[in-house]
Amino acid sequence: MRFASELVPATLIRRYKRFLADVALADGTLITAHVANPGAMTGLQAEGARVWLSKSASLARKLPYSWELIEVDFGTAQELVGVNTMHPNPIVGEALAAGTIPELAGYASIRREVKYGRILNGKGSRVDFLLEDAARPPCYVEVKNVHLMRRAGIAEFPDSVTARGAKHLDELAEMVVSGARAVMLFVIQIGSANAFTLARDIDPAYARAFDKARTAGVEALAWTCDLTRHEIRLGRPVPIEP
């Protein structure tokens, strides 16, 4: 997934109200950027950090700048970390089309945002990807963005309580019971991660739902990303630790 235009460097002043961040551009101009991330962003909002912004060409946007990347030192070297939770789906979409993920390759069709699961509060869920082929059961793929790393090399999810995420796990398990295949794919926007685990202390309910789903037959995959100031692409698989 290539960025639509060259990213703009800035210095982070503060993130607030979840979706807003005040930053200083290189010439000293102070602006407010949109933050496409509802999570806690633990370790990713230090004042003075160098961040990278995209700028929309749309004149209708109230906030033309969006926060895309941050430079973080996890104890070994400075590296780019992706904070935009809207990117994993297009990243995975490109990887599926290219057959990059062996476990998900070879399906005849790839559909996005397909309705499935139970109705809750008058609304049903949409699975991120539905892979279909006449020769085998359909495969439901749910994608989750990962950007939490509290221990060097170990990426974690979630970084805040996510009842919606637990609901998705229950729905994937129901798809397996119905005879389909279901996969939870964790996309780690940290290139240096060499393993993935659940942040059980942050959201015990999600951890229980994950364990239940795995017992029911839901598969789980975790992949890192290769990040530059020009593009983000799926990198390599890493093991999921208990």
C-alpha atoms as a PDB file:
ATOM      1  CA  MET A   1       0.000   0.000   0.000  1.00  0.00           C
ATOM      2  CA  ARG A   2       1.681   3.162  -1.180  1.00  0.00           C
ATOM      3  CA  PHE A   3       0.844   6.516   0.336  1.00  0.00           C
ATOM      4  CA  ALA A   4      -0.983   8.744  -2.106  1.00  0.00           C
ATOM      5  CA  SER A   5       1.555  11.549  -1.707  1.00  0.00           C
ATOM      6  CA  GLU A   6       4.858  12.245   0.007  1.00  0.00           C
ATOM      7  CA  LEU A   7       4.543  12.263   3.799  1.00  0.00           C
ATOM      8  CA  VAL A   8       5.212  15.439   5.742  1.00  0.00           C
ATOM      9  CA  PRO A   9       7.498  15.374   8.833  1.00  0.00           C
ATOM     10  CA  ALA A  10       6.311  16.962  12.084  1.00  0.00           C
ATOM     11  CA  THR A  11       6.897  16.960  15.825  1.00  0.00           C
ATOM     12  CA  LEU A  12       4.197  15.584  18.105  1.00  0.00           C
ATOM     13  CA  ILE A  13       2.927  17.960  20.760  1.00  0.00           C
ATOM     14  CA  ARG A  14      -0.009  15.960  22.127  1.00  0.00           C
ATOM     15  CA  ARG A  15      -2.742  13.527  21.179  1.00  0.00           C
ATOM     16  CA  TYR A  16      -6.180  14.097  22.679  1.00  0.00           C
ATOM     17  CA  LYS A  17      -9.856  13.167  22.296  1.00  0.00           C
ATOM     18  CA  ARG A  18      -8.553   9.965  20.659  1.00  0.00           C
ATOM     19  CA  PHE A  19      -8.839  11.266  17.109  1.00  0.00           C
ATOM     20  CA  LEU A  20      -6.898  14.533  17.320  1.00  0.00           C
ATOM     21  CA  ALA A  21      -3.200  15.394  17.588  1.00  0.00           C
ATOM     22  CA  ASP A  22      -1.481  18.753  17.752  1.00  0.00           C
ATOM     23  CA  VAL A  23       1.828  18.781  15.877  1.00  0.00           C
ATOM     24  CA  ALA A  24       4.438  21.284  14.751  1.00  0.00           C
ATOM     25  CA  LEU A  25       5.502  21.238  11.123  1.00  0.00           C
ATOM     26  CA  ALA A  26       9.152  21.713  10.161  1.00  0.00           C
ATOM     27  CA  ASP A  27       8.667  25.459   9.675  1.00  0.00           C
ATOM     28  CA  GLY A  28       7.150  25.808  13.146  1.00  0.00           C
ATOM     29  CA  THR A  29       3.523  25.983  12.026  1.00  0.00           C
ATOM     30  CA  LEU A  30       1.167  24.417  14.572  1.00  0.00           C
ATOM     31  CA  ILE A  31      -1.660  22.297  13.164  1.00  0.00           C
ATOM     32  CA  THR A  32      -4.176  19.699  14.314  1.00  0.00           C
ATOM     33  CA  ALA A  33      -4.042  16.351  12.512  1.00  0.00           C
ATOM     34  CA  HIS A  34      -6.626  13.589  12.355  1.00  0.00           C
ATOM     35  CA  VAL A  35      -5.716  10.351  14.185  1.00  0.00           C
ATOM     36  CA  ALA A  36      -7.377   7.289  12.650  1.00  0.00           C
ATOM     37  CA  ASN A  37      -6.894   5.217  15.777  1.00  0.00           C
ATOM     38  CA  PRO A  38      -9.421   4.682  18.605  1.00  0.00           C
ATOM     39  CA  GLY A  39      -6.987   2.761  20.828  1.00  0.00           C
ATOM     40  CA  ALA A  40      -4.779   3.777  23.728  1.00  0.00           C
ATOM     41  CA  MET A  41      -1.642   4.021  21.531  1.00  0.00           C
ATOM     42  CA  THR A  42       0.516   3.123  24.528  1.00  0.00           C
ATOM     43  CA  GLY A  43       4.129   4.130  23.920  1.00  0.00           C
ATOM     44  CA  LEU A  44       3.257   5.911  20.686  1.00  0.00           C
ATOM     45  CA  GLN A  45       2.362   9.425  21.813  1.00  0.00           C
ATOM     46  CA  ALA A  46       5.462  10.800  23.500  1.00  0.00           C
ATOM     47  CA  GLU A  47       5.738  14.567  23.294  1.00  0.00           C
ATOM     48  CA  GLY A  48       8.535  15.582  20.951  1.00  0.00           C
ATOM     49  CA  ALA A  49       8.449  12.410  18.871  1.00  0.00           C
ATOM     50  CA  ARG A  50       8.986  12.695  15.152  1.00  0.00           C
ATOM     51  CA  VAL A  51       5.841  11.806  13.227  1.00  0.00           C
ATOM     52  CA  TRP A  52       4.875  11.641   9.576  1.00  0.00           C
ATOM     53  CA  LEU A  53       1.647  13.001   8.127  1.00  0.00           C
ATOM     54  CA  SER A  54      -0.271  12.545   4.913  1.00  0.00           C
ATOM     55  CA  LYS A  55      -2.143  15.483   3.415  1.00  0.00           C
ATOM     56  CA  SER A  56      -5.476  15.012   1.682  1.00  0.00           C
ATOM     57  CA  ALA A  57      -6.106  16.719  -1.640  1.00  0.00           C
ATOM     58  CA  SER A  58      -9.771  17.178  -0.704  1.00  0.00           C
ATOM     59  CA  LEU A  59     -10.698  20.784   0.022  1.00  0.00           C
ATOM     60  CA  ALA A  60     -13.770  19.578   1.922  1.00  0.00           C
ATOM     61  CA  ARG A  61     -11.816  18.025   4.776  1.00  0.00           C
ATOM     62  CA  LYS A  62     -11.775  20.035   7.982  1.00  0.00           C
ATOM     63  CA  LEU A  63      -8.450  18.460   8.965  1.00  0.00           C
ATOM     64  CA  PRO A  64      -6.397  17.911   5.792  1.00  0.00           C
ATOM     65  CA  TYR A  65      -3.500  16.206   7.617  1.00  0.00           C
ATOM     66  CA  SER A  66      -3.601  12.631   8.958  1.00  0.00           C
ATOM     67  CA  TRP A  67      -1.072  11.043  11.294  1.00  0.00           C
ATOM     68  CA  GLU A  68       0.409   7.967   9.587  1.00  0.00           C
ATOM     69  CA  LEU A  69       3.743   7.014  11.196  1.00  0.00           C
ATOM     70  CA  ILE A  70       5.805   7.671  14.295  1.00  0.00           C
ATOM     71  CA  GLU A  71       9.496   7.063  14.931  1.00  0.00           C
ATOM     72  CA  VAL A  72       9.993   4.933  18.056  1.00  0.00           C
ATOM     73  CA  ASP A  73      13.047   3.457  19.779  1.00  0.00           C
ATOM     74  CA  PHE A  74      12.126   0.059  21.203  1.00  0.00           C
ATOM     75  CA  GLY A  75      15.577  -0.361  22.727  1.00  0.00           C
ATOM     76  CA  THR A  76      17.578  -1.387  19.677  1.00  0.00           C
ATOM     77  CA  ALA A  77      17.134   1.300  17.030  1.00  0.00           C
ATOM     78  CA  GLN A  78      14.746   3.972  15.853  1.00  0.00           C
ATOM     79  CA  GLU A  79      12.045   2.560  13.598  1.00  0.00           C
ATOM     80  CA  LEU A  80       8.802   3.568  11.954  1.00  0.00           C
ATOM     81  CA  VAL A  81       5.536   2.353  13.450  1.00  0.00           C
ATOM     82  CA  GLY A  82       2.193   2.694  11.694  1.00  0.00           C
ATOM     83  CA  VAL A  83      -0.634   4.219  13.750  1.00  0.00           C
ATOM     84  CA  ASN A  84      -3.409   4.437  11.149  1.00  0.00           C
ATOM     85  CA  THR A  85      -5.821   1.563  11.835  1.00  0.00           C
ATOM     86  CA  MET A  86      -7.464   2.033   8.422  1.00  0.00           C
ATOM     87  CA  HIS A  87      -4.429   0.649   6.590  1.00  0.00           C
ATOM     88  CA  PRO A  88      -4.293  -3.072   7.539  1.00  0.00           C
ATOM     89  CA  ASN A  89      -7.295  -3.972   5.376  1.00  0.00           C
ATOM     90  CA  PRO A  90      -5.877  -2.562   2.117  1.00  0.00           C
ATOM     91  CA  ILE A  91      -2.476  -4.025   3.048  1.00  0.00           C
ATOM     92  CA  VAL A  92      -4.065  -7.455   3.462  1.00  0.00           C
ATOM     93  CA  GLY A  93      -6.150  -6.971   0.323  1.00  0.00           C
ATOM     94  CA  GLU A  94      -2.983  -6.481  -1.731  1.00  0.00           C
ATOM     95  CA  ALA A  95      -1.351  -9.499  -0.088  1.00  0.00           C
ATOM     96  CA  LEU A  96      -4.362 -11.719  -0.775  1.00  0.00           C
ATOM     97  CA  ALA A  97      -4.467 -10.663  -4.410  1.00  0.00           C
ATOM     98  CA  ALA A  98      -0.763 -11.448  -4.749  1.00  0.00           C
ATOM     99  CA  GLY A  99      -1.014 -14.779  -2.912  1.00  0.00           C
ATOM    100  CA  THR A 100       1.534 -13.613  -0.339  1.00  0.00           C
ATOM    101  CA  ILE A 101      -0.095 -15.434   2.597  1.00  0.00           C
ATOM    102  CA  PRO A 102       0.283 -19.170   1.916  1.00  0.00           C
ATOM    103  CA  GLU A 103      -2.536 -20.211   4.257  1.00  0.00           C
ATOM    104  CA  LEU A 104      -4.982 -17.943   2.404  1.00  0.00           C
ATOM    105  CA  ALA A 105      -3.799 -18.401  -1.173  1.00  0.00           C
ATOM    106  CA  GLY A 106      -5.562 -20.025  -4.099  1.00  0.00           C
ATOM    107  CA  TYR A 107      -9.174 -18.960  -3.585  1.00  0.00           C
ATOM    108  CA  ALA A 108     -11.123 -18.100  -6.730  1.00  0.00           C
ATOM    109  CA  SER A 109     -12.699 -14.922  -5.368  1.00  0.00           C
ATOM    110  CA  ILE A 110     -12.008 -12.349  -2.674  1.00  0.00           C
ATOM    111  CA  ARG A 111     -14.879 -10.247  -1.383  1.00  0.00           C
ATOM    112  CA  ARG A 112     -14.659  -7.431   1.164  1.00  0.00           C
ATOM    113  CA  GLU A 113     -17.014  -6.237   3.891  1.00  0.00           C
ATOM    114  CA  VAL A 114     -19.492  -9.100   3.569  1.00  0.00           C
ATOM    115  CA  LYS A 115     -22.370  -9.240   6.052  1.00  0.00           C
ATOM    116  CA  TYR A 116     -22.328 -12.189   8.434  1.00  0.00           C
ATOM    117  CA  GLY A 117     -22.823 -13.151  12.063  1.00  0.00           C
ATOM    118  CA  ARG A 118     -25.484 -12.240  14.583  1.00  0.00           C
ATOM    119  CA  ILE A 119     -27.617  -9.122  14.748  1.00  0.00           C
ATOM    120  CA  LEU A 120     -26.718  -7.025  17.797  1.00  0.00           C
ATOM    121  CA  ASN A 121     -28.558  -3.811  18.666  1.00  0.00           C
ATOM    122  CA  GLY A 122     -30.165  -3.925  15.258  1.00  0.00           C
ATOM    123  CA  LYS A 123     -26.836  -4.236  13.456  1.00  0.00           C
ATOM    124  CA  GLY A 124     -24.960  -7.183  11.987  1.00  0.00           C
ATOM    125  CA  SER A 125     -21.221  -7.486  11.468  1.00  0.00           C
ATOM    126  CA  ARG A 126     -19.272  -7.384   8.236  1.00  0.00           C
ATOM    127  CA  VAL A 127     -16.304  -9.689   7.859  1.00  0.00           C
ATOM    128  CA  ASP A 128     -13.228  -7.994   6.419  1.00  0.00           C
ATOM    129  CA  PHE A 129     -12.656 -10.615   3.724  1.00  0.00           C
ATOM    130  CA  LEU A 130     -14.609 -13.608   2.453  1.00  0.00           C
ATOM    131  CA  LEU A 131     -12.555 -16.012   0.342  1.00  0.00           C
ATOM    132  CA  GLU A 132     -14.545 -18.366  -1.844  1.00  0.00           C
ATOM    133  CA  ASP A 133     -13.794 -21.304  -4.094  1.00  0.00           C
ATOM    134  CA  ALA A 134     -16.053 -24.030  -5.495  1.00  0.00           C
ATOM    135  CA  ALA A 135     -13.633 -26.739  -4.392  1.00  0.00           C
ATOM    136  CA  ARG A 136     -13.584 -25.927  -0.667  1.00  0.00           C
ATOM    137  CA  PRO A 137     -15.542 -24.253   2.139  1.00  0.00           C
ATOM    138  CA  PRO A 138     -15.618 -20.444   2.286  1.00  0.00           C
ATOM    139  CA  CYS A 139     -13.031 -18.743   4.477  1.00  0.00           C
ATOM    140  CA  TYR A 140     -13.955 -15.781   6.689  1.00  0.00           C
ATOM    141  CA  VAL A 141     -10.982 -13.531   7.490  1.00  0.00           C
ATOM    142  CA  GLU A 142     -11.062 -10.864  10.185  1.00  0.00           C
ATOM    143  CA  VAL A 143      -8.155  -8.384  10.307  1.00  0.00           C
ATOM    144  CA  LYS A 144      -6.891  -6.616  13.427  1.00  0.00           C
ATOM    145  CA  ASN A 145      -4.315  -3.844  13.581  1.00  0.00           C
ATOM    146  CA  VAL A 146      -1.446  -4.267  16.068  1.00  0.00           C
ATOM    147  CA  HIS A 147       0.868  -1.491  17.228  1.00  0.00           C
ATOM    148  CA  LEU A 148       1.487  -2.248  20.907  1.00  0.00           C
ATOM    149  CA  MET A 149       4.948  -3.405  22.027  1.00  0.00           C
ATOM    150  CA  ARG A 150       5.717  -3.289  25.745  1.00  0.00           C
ATOM    151  CA  ARG A 151       8.549  -5.828  25.581  1.00  0.00           C
ATOM    152  CA  ALA A 152      11.203  -5.714  22.885  1.00  0.00           C
ATOM    153  CA  GLY A 153      10.225  -7.892  19.951  1.00  0.00           C
ATOM    154  CA  ILE A 154       6.831  -8.951  21.340  1.00  0.00           C
ATOM    155  CA  ALA A 155       3.806  -7.338  19.692  1.00  0.00           C
ATOM    156  CA  GLU A 156       0.501  -7.402  21.588  1.00  0.00           C
ATOM    157  CA  PHE A 157      -3.217  -6.961  20.966  1.00  0.00           C
ATOM    158  CA  PRO A 158      -5.411  -5.259  22.058  1.00  0.00           C
ATOM    159  CA  ASP A 159      -4.098  -1.997  23.488  1.00  0.00           C
ATOM    160  CA  SER A 160      -7.502  -1.168  24.991  1.00  0.00           C
ATOM    161  CA  VAL A 161     -10.732  -2.996  25.828  1.00  0.00           C
ATOM    162  CA  THR A 162     -12.550  -4.109  22.675  1.00  0.00           C
ATOM    163  CA  ALA A 163     -15.986  -5.651  23.130  1.00  0.00           C
ATOM    164  CA  ARG A 164     -16.423  -5.443  19.352  1.00  0.00           C
ATOM    165  CA  GLY A 165     -13.296  -7.529  18.864  1.00  0.00           C
ATOM    166  CA  ALA A 166     -14.602 -10.226  21.221  1.00  0.00           C
ATOM    167  CA  LYS A 167     -17.896 -10.256  19.297  1.00  0.00           C
ATOM    168  CA  HIS A 168     -16.016 -10.838  16.054  1.00  0.00           C
ATOM    169  CA  LEU A 169     -14.249 -13.829  17.578  1.00  0.00           C
ATOM    170  CA  ASP A 170     -17.586 -15.332  18.644  1.00  0.00           C
ATOM    171  CA  GLU A 171     -18.936 -14.835  15.124  1.00  0.00           C
ATOM    172  CA  LEU A 172     -15.897 -16.451  13.531  1.00  0.00           C
ATOM    173  CA  ALA A 173     -16.384 -19.449  15.815  1.00  0.00           C
ATOM    174  CA  GLU A 174     -20.002 -19.676  14.657  1.00  0.00           C
ATOM    175  CA  MET A 175     -18.822 -19.768  11.045  1.00  0.00           C
ATOM    176  CA  VAL A 176     -16.583 -22.738  11.846  1.00  0.00           C
ATOM    177  CA  VAL A 177     -19.506 -24.545  13.480  1.00  0.00           C
ATOM    178  CA  SER A 178     -21.547 -23.939  10.320  1.00  0.00           C
ATOM    179  CA  GLY A 179     -18.885 -25.706   8.257  1.00  0.00           C
ATOM    180  CA  ALA A 180     -16.854 -22.753   7.010  1.00  0.00           C
ATOM    181  CA  ARG A 181     -13.257 -21.846   7.705  1.00  0.00           C
ATOM    182  CA  ALA A 182     -12.416 -18.778   9.820  1.00  0.00           C
ATOM    183  CA  VAL A 183      -9.132 -16.934  10.338  1.00  0.00           C
ATOM    184  CA  MET A 184      -8.122 -14.087  12.659  1.00  0.00           C
ATOM    185  CA  LEU A 185      -5.247 -12.196  11.045  1.00  0.00           C
ATOM    186  CA  PHE A 186      -3.211  -9.811  13.209  1.00  0.00           C
ATOM    187  CA  VAL A 187      -1.333  -7.198  11.159  1.00  0.00           C
ATOM    188  CA  ILE A 188       1.596  -5.790  13.136  1.00  0.00           C
ATOM    189  CA  GLN A 189       2.644  -2.319  11.992  1.00  0.00           C
ATOM    190  CA  ILE A 190       6.030  -2.788  13.685  1.00  0.00           C
ATOM    191  CA  GLY A 191       8.744  -4.277  11.519  1.00  0.00           C
ATOM    192  CA  SER A 192      10.992  -5.452  14.362  1.00  0.00           C
ATOM    193  CA  ALA A 193       8.386  -7.670  16.044  1.00  0.00           C
ATOM    194  CA  ASN A 194       9.464 -11.318  16.126  1.00  0.00           C
ATOM    195  CA  ALA A 195       6.485 -12.751  18.032  1.00  0.00           C
ATOM    196  CA  PHE A 196       2.883 -11.927  18.888  1.00  0.00           C
ATOM    197  CA  THR A 197       0.824 -12.477  22.019  1.00  0.00           C
ATOM    198  CA  LEU A 198      -2.410 -11.287  23.581  1.00  0.00           C
ATOM    199  CA  ALA A 199      -2.417  -8.408  26.072  1.00  0.00           C
ATOM    200  CA  ARG A 200      -4.465 -10.453  28.525  1.00  0.00           C
ATOM    201  CA  ASP A 201      -4.004  -7.924  31.321  1.00  0.00           C
ATOM    202  CA  ILE A 202      -5.529  -5.141  29.214  1.00  0.00           C
ATOM    203  CA  ASP A 203      -8.631  -7.029  28.076  1.00  0.00           C
ATOM    204  CA  PRO A 204      -9.213 -10.391  29.828  1.00  0.00           C
ATOM    205  CA  ALA A 205     -12.617 -10.758  28.122  1.00  0.00           C
ATOM    206  CA  TYR A 206     -11.005 -10.579  24.675  1.00  0.00           C
ATOM    207  CA  ALA A 207      -8.417 -13.150  25.741  1.00  0.00           C
ATOM    208  CA  ARG A 208     -11.163 -15.523  26.876  1.00  0.00           C
ATOM    209  CA  ALA A 209     -13.041 -15.038  23.613  1.00  0.00           C
ATOM    210  CA  PHE A 210      -9.832 -15.722  21.680  1.00  0.00           C
ATOM    211  CA  ASP A 211      -9.162 -18.950  23.591  1.00  0.00           C
ATOM    212  CA  LYS A 212     -12.755 -20.075  23.078  1.00  0.00           C
ATOM    213  CA  ALA A 213     -12.577 -19.306  19.357  1.00  0.00           C
ATOM    214  CA  ARG A 214      -9.327 -21.202  18.924  1.00  0.00           C
ATOM    215  CA  THR A 215     -10.839 -24.218  20.688  1.00  0.00           C
ATOM    216  CA  ALA A 216     -13.783 -24.028  18.279  1.00  0.00           C
ATOM    217  CA  GLY A 217     -11.400 -24.185  15.315  1.00  0.00           C
ATOM    218  CA  VAL A 218     -10.759 -20.543  14.425  1.00  0.00           C
ATOM    219  CA  GLU A 219      -7.252 -20.169  13.012  1.00  0.00           C
ATOM    220  CA  ALA A 220      -4.925 -17.312  13.965  1.00  0.00           C
ATOM    221  CA  LEU A 221      -2.094 -15.743  11.982  1.00  0.00           C
ATOM    222  CA  ALA A 222       0.241 -12.844  12.785  1.00  0.00           C
ATOM    223  CA  TRP A 223       2.304 -10.941  10.235  1.00  0.00           C
ATOM    224  CA  THR A 224       4.608  -7.957  10.566  1.00  0.00           C
ATOM    225  CA  CYS A 225       4.745  -5.073   8.104  1.00  0.00           C
ATOM    226  CA  ASP A 226       7.627  -3.505   6.215  1.00  0.00           C
ATOM    227  CA  LEU A 227       7.244   0.251   6.662  1.00  0.00           C
ATOM    228  CA  THR A 228       8.857   3.159   4.862  1.00  0.00           C
ATOM    229  CA  ARG A 229       7.836   6.769   4.327  1.00  0.00           C
ATOM    230  CA  HIS A 230       6.542   5.730   0.913  1.00  0.00           C
ATOM    231  CA  GLU A 231       4.637   2.514   1.523  1.00  0.00           C
ATOM    232  CA  ILE A 232       3.537  -0.194   3.949  1.00  0.00           C
ATOM    233  CA  ARG A 233       3.396  -3.802   2.860  1.00  0.00           C
ATOM    234  CA  LEU A 234       2.923  -7.127   4.582  1.00  0.00           C
ATOM    235  CA  GLY A 235       6.285  -8.431   5.728  1.00  0.00           C
ATOM    236  CA  ARG A 236       6.687 -11.845   7.331  1.00  0.00           C
ATOM    237  CA  PRO A 237       4.789 -14.243   9.614  1.00  0.00           C
ATOM    238  CA  VAL A 238       5.702 -14.435  13.301  1.00  0.00           C
ATOM    239  CA  PRO A 239       4.733 -17.049  15.891  1.00  0.00           C
ATOM    240  CA  ILE A 240       1.820 -16.527  18.249  1.00  0.00           C
ATOM    241  CA  GLU A 241       2.889 -17.134  21.828  1.00  0.00           C
ATOM    242  CA  PRO A 242       0.506 -18.505  24.500  1.00  0.00           C
END
